[in-house]
Amino acid sequence: MPRSRTVLKRQRQTERQRLRNKGVRSELRTLERRVQTAADPAAAQADLRTLQKRLDQAAAKGAIHPNRAARKKSRLARKIKSAS
């Protein structure tokens, strides 16, 4: 069955977006792990600041939902505060 040019273009775009989003989400998981396993509270706080910025950027670009970014930021901030 023939596919239209617009469908083929949309498939190419979707694949590029998927790969881009995959990299962003992978980076977020790595940063989150680094925050949770930080040795001292000062390092955790610095890593948390970086993670919060990256979460906001990912939400702005549509890689993750804005509410998910807000939820992660809130939970990690609460965890860091209770640990210190």
Protein backbone atom coordinates (compact mmCIF):
# COMPACT_ATOMS: atom_id res chain seq x y z
CA MET A 1 0.00 0.00 0.00
CA PRO A 2 1.58 3.34 -1.00
CA ARG A 3 2.28 5.88 1.69
CA SER A 4 2.07 9.58 1.06
CA ARG A 5 5.10 11.84 1.19
CA THR A 6 3.73 13.60 4.25
CA VAL A 7 3.47 10.33 6.16
CA LEU A 8 7.06 9.44 5.28
CA LYS A 9 8.26 12.87 6.36
CA ARG A 10 6.36 12.61 9.65
CA GLN A 11 7.97 9.22 10.29
CA ARG A 12 11.44 10.69 9.75
CA GLN A 13 10.68 13.59 12.08
CA THR A 14 9.26 11.31 14.75
CA GLU A 15 12.33 9.08 14.67
CA ARG A 16 14.67 12.08 15.07
CA GLN A 17 12.59 13.39 17.98
CA ARG A 18 12.50 9.96 19.61
CA LEU A 19 16.28 9.67 19.55
CA ARG A 20 16.73 13.21 20.86
CA ASN A 21 14.24 12.65 23.69
CA LYS A 22 15.85 9.31 24.53
CA GLY A 23 19.18 11.03 25.12
CA VAL A 24 17.61 13.74 27.24
CA ARG A 25 15.74 11.25 29.42
CA SER A 26 18.87 9.14 29.83
CA GLU A 27 20.79 12.19 31.02
CA LEU A 28 18.01 13.00 33.50
CA ARG A 29 18.13 9.49 34.96
CA THR A 30 21.91 9.74 35.34
CA LEU A 31 21.68 13.10 37.10
CA GLU A 32 18.91 11.85 39.36
CA ARG A 33 21.00 8.85 40.37
CA ARG A 34 23.94 11.17 41.10
CA VAL A 35 21.78 13.33 43.37
CA GLN A 36 20.44 10.33 45.28
CA THR A 37 23.85 8.73 45.83
CA ALA A 38 25.80 11.90 46.66
CA ALA A 39 28.18 11.44 49.59
CA ASP A 40 27.65 14.79 51.31
CA PRO A 41 24.68 17.19 51.34
CA ALA A 42 26.64 20.02 49.69
CA ALA A 43 27.42 17.90 46.64
CA ALA A 44 23.84 16.69 46.53
CA GLN A 45 22.60 20.28 46.63
CA ALA A 46 24.87 21.28 43.74
CA ASP A 47 23.80 18.26 41.69
CA LEU A 48 20.16 19.01 42.51
CA ARG A 49 20.50 22.53 41.09
CA THR A 50 21.87 21.10 37.84
CA LEU A 51 19.11 18.48 37.69
CA GLN A 52 16.39 21.07 38.27
CA LYS A 53 17.66 23.15 35.37
CA ARG A 54 17.81 20.12 33.07
CA LEU A 55 14.30 19.03 34.11
CA ASP A 56 12.93 22.46 33.25
CA GLN A 57 14.69 22.41 29.89
CA ALA A 58 13.38 18.93 29.09
CA ALA A 59 9.85 19.95 30.02
CA ALA A 60 10.07 23.09 27.88
CA LYS A 61 11.18 21.05 24.86
CA GLY A 62 8.52 18.40 25.38
CA ALA A 63 10.84 15.52 26.23
CA ILE A 64 8.95 15.01 29.51
CA HIS A 65 5.68 16.34 30.86
CA PRO A 66 5.94 19.58 32.89
CA ASN A 67 4.09 18.02 35.83
CA ARG A 68 6.59 15.15 35.90
CA ALA A 69 9.45 17.64 36.05
CA ALA A 70 7.78 19.51 38.91
CA ARG A 71 7.09 16.28 40.80
CA LYS A 72 10.69 15.07 40.48
CA LYS A 73 12.10 18.44 41.57
CA SER A 74 9.82 18.55 44.60
CA ARG A 75 10.49 15.00 45.74
CA LEU A 76 14.25 15.23 45.37
CA ALA A 77 14.41 18.62 47.14
CA ARG A 78 12.41 17.17 50.02
CA LYS A 79 14.70 14.13 50.18
CA ILE A 80 17.86 16.28 50.21
CA LYS A 81 16.45 18.57 52.88
CA SER A 82 15.52 15.68 55.17
CA ALA A 83 18.95 14.07 54.70
CA SER A 84 20.85 17.20 55.75
